[in-house]
Amino acid sequence: MASSYNDEFGSNNNLRISLLKKQEMEVTEILDRIIKLSDSLLVQIFSVLLTRGIHNLYSLKEVALCLTLY
């Protein structure tokens, strides 16, 4: 019974690690895309984000979505 619990816990732990690695890769890919942009384009993107409300927080995925619009 303890072995079954440990196997299940190990599987859940491996799944969590896998999901965290996937999220980390997605963030890295987004950052790589952002780094390649010109300064003038970044200024335009951030000005659009700021006009939507400086009190709002934007995730990298939202910024990436904005990048696909340009």
C-alpha atoms as a PDB file:
ATOM      1  CA  MET A   1       0.000   0.000   0.000  1.00  0.00           C
ATOM      2  CA  ALA A   2       2.814   2.416   0.842  1.00  0.00           C
ATOM      3  CA  SER A   3       4.483   1.541  -2.452  1.00  0.00           C
ATOM      4  CA  SER A   4       1.336   2.467  -4.376  1.00  0.00           C
ATOM      5  CA  TYR A   5       1.150   5.797  -2.547  1.00  0.00           C
ATOM      6  CA  ASN A   6       4.803   6.531  -3.301  1.00  0.00           C
ATOM      7  CA  ASP A   7       4.334   5.625  -6.976  1.00  0.00           C
ATOM      8  CA  GLU A   8       1.324   7.925  -7.239  1.00  0.00           C
ATOM      9  CA  PHE A   9       3.125  10.728  -5.417  1.00  0.00           C
ATOM     10  CA  GLY A  10       6.151  10.266  -7.669  1.00  0.00           C
ATOM     11  CA  SER A  11       3.971  10.441 -10.779  1.00  0.00           C
ATOM     12  CA  ASN A  12       2.258  13.602  -9.559  1.00  0.00           C
ATOM     13  CA  ASN A  13       5.608  15.138  -8.700  1.00  0.00           C
ATOM     14  CA  ASN A  14       7.002  14.253 -12.142  1.00  0.00           C
ATOM     15  CA  LEU A  15       3.938  15.794 -13.780  1.00  0.00           C
ATOM     16  CA  ARG A  16       4.390  19.016 -11.813  1.00  0.00           C
ATOM     17  CA  ILE A  17       8.065  19.186 -12.746  1.00  0.00           C
ATOM     18  CA  SER A  18       7.192  18.572 -16.386  1.00  0.00           C
ATOM     19  CA  LEU A  19       4.575  21.347 -16.362  1.00  0.00           C
ATOM     20  CA  LEU A  20       6.977  23.775 -14.679  1.00  0.00           C
ATOM     21  CA  LYS A  21       9.656  23.023 -17.273  1.00  0.00           C
ATOM     22  CA  LYS A  22       7.129  23.582 -20.079  1.00  0.00           C
ATOM     23  CA  GLN A  23       6.079  26.933 -18.610  1.00  0.00           C
ATOM     24  CA  GLU A  24       9.717  27.930 -18.206  1.00  0.00           C
ATOM     25  CA  MET A  25      10.377  27.065 -21.858  1.00  0.00           C
ATOM     26  CA  GLU A  26       7.357  29.128 -22.957  1.00  0.00           C
ATOM     27  CA  VAL A  27       8.587  32.142 -20.983  1.00  0.00           C
ATOM     28  CA  THR A  28      12.081  31.732 -22.442  1.00  0.00           C
ATOM     29  CA  GLU A  29      10.657  31.600 -25.972  1.00  0.00           C
ATOM     30  CA  ILE A  30       8.613  34.748 -25.340  1.00  0.00           C
ATOM     31  CA  LEU A  31      11.626  36.576 -23.923  1.00  0.00           C
ATOM     32  CA  ASP A  32      13.700  35.511 -26.928  1.00  0.00           C
ATOM     33  CA  ARG A  33      11.063  37.020 -29.218  1.00  0.00           C
ATOM     34  CA  ILE A  34      10.934  40.252 -27.216  1.00  0.00           C
ATOM     35  CA  ILE A  35      14.722  40.650 -27.195  1.00  0.00           C
ATOM     36  CA  LYS A  36      14.805  40.525 -31.007  1.00  0.00           C
ATOM     37  CA  LEU A  37      12.421  43.485 -31.374  1.00  0.00           C
ATOM     38  CA  SER A  38      13.647  46.961 -32.162  1.00  0.00           C
ATOM     39  CA  ASP A  39      13.534  49.634 -29.472  1.00  0.00           C
ATOM     40  CA  SER A  40      11.023  51.701 -31.441  1.00  0.00           C
ATOM     41  CA  LEU A  41       8.621  48.769 -31.694  1.00  0.00           C
ATOM     42  CA  LEU A  42       8.978  48.050 -27.979  1.00  0.00           C
ATOM     43  CA  VAL A  43       8.151  51.690 -27.222  1.00  0.00           C
ATOM     44  CA  GLN A  44       4.977  51.408 -29.320  1.00  0.00           C
ATOM     45  CA  ILE A  45       3.938  48.165 -27.631  1.00  0.00           C
ATOM     46  CA  PHE A  46       4.507  49.473 -24.122  1.00  0.00           C
ATOM     47  CA  SER A  47       2.726  52.738 -24.890  1.00  0.00           C
ATOM     48  CA  VAL A  48      -0.332  50.733 -25.968  1.00  0.00           C
ATOM     49  CA  LEU A  49      -0.136  48.697 -22.770  1.00  0.00           C
ATOM     50  CA  LEU A  50       0.164  51.837 -20.659  1.00  0.00           C
ATOM     51  CA  THR A  51      -2.849  53.482 -22.308  1.00  0.00           C
ATOM     52  CA  ARG A  52      -4.933  50.487 -21.220  1.00  0.00           C
ATOM     53  CA  GLY A  53      -4.224  51.458 -17.620  1.00  0.00           C
ATOM     54  CA  ILE A  54      -0.989  51.611 -15.744  1.00  0.00           C
ATOM     55  CA  HIS A  55      -2.630  49.938 -12.744  1.00  0.00           C
ATOM     56  CA  ASN A  56      -3.136  46.734 -14.731  1.00  0.00           C
ATOM     57  CA  LEU A  57      -0.441  44.087 -14.583  1.00  0.00           C
ATOM     58  CA  TYR A  58       0.403  42.259 -17.766  1.00  0.00           C
ATOM     59  CA  SER A  59       1.826  38.792 -17.964  1.00  0.00           C
ATOM     60  CA  LEU A  60       4.411  37.775 -20.519  1.00  0.00           C
ATOM     61  CA  LYS A  61       1.726  35.860 -22.383  1.00  0.00           C
ATOM     62  CA  GLU A  62      -0.349  39.032 -22.754  1.00  0.00           C
ATOM     63  CA  VAL A  63       2.710  40.903 -24.005  1.00  0.00           C
ATOM     64  CA  ALA A  64       3.365  38.075 -26.463  1.00  0.00           C
ATOM     65  CA  LEU A  65      -0.216  38.370 -27.684  1.00  0.00           C
ATOM     66  CA  CYS A  66       0.365  42.061 -28.316  1.00  0.00           C
ATOM     67  CA  LEU A  67       3.526  41.175 -30.223  1.00  0.00           C
ATOM     68  CA  THR A  68       1.548  38.958 -32.570  1.00  0.00           C
ATOM     69  CA  LEU A  69      -0.701  41.917 -33.402  1.00  0.00           C
ATOM     70  CA  TYR A  70       2.220  43.961 -34.772  1.00  0.00           C
END
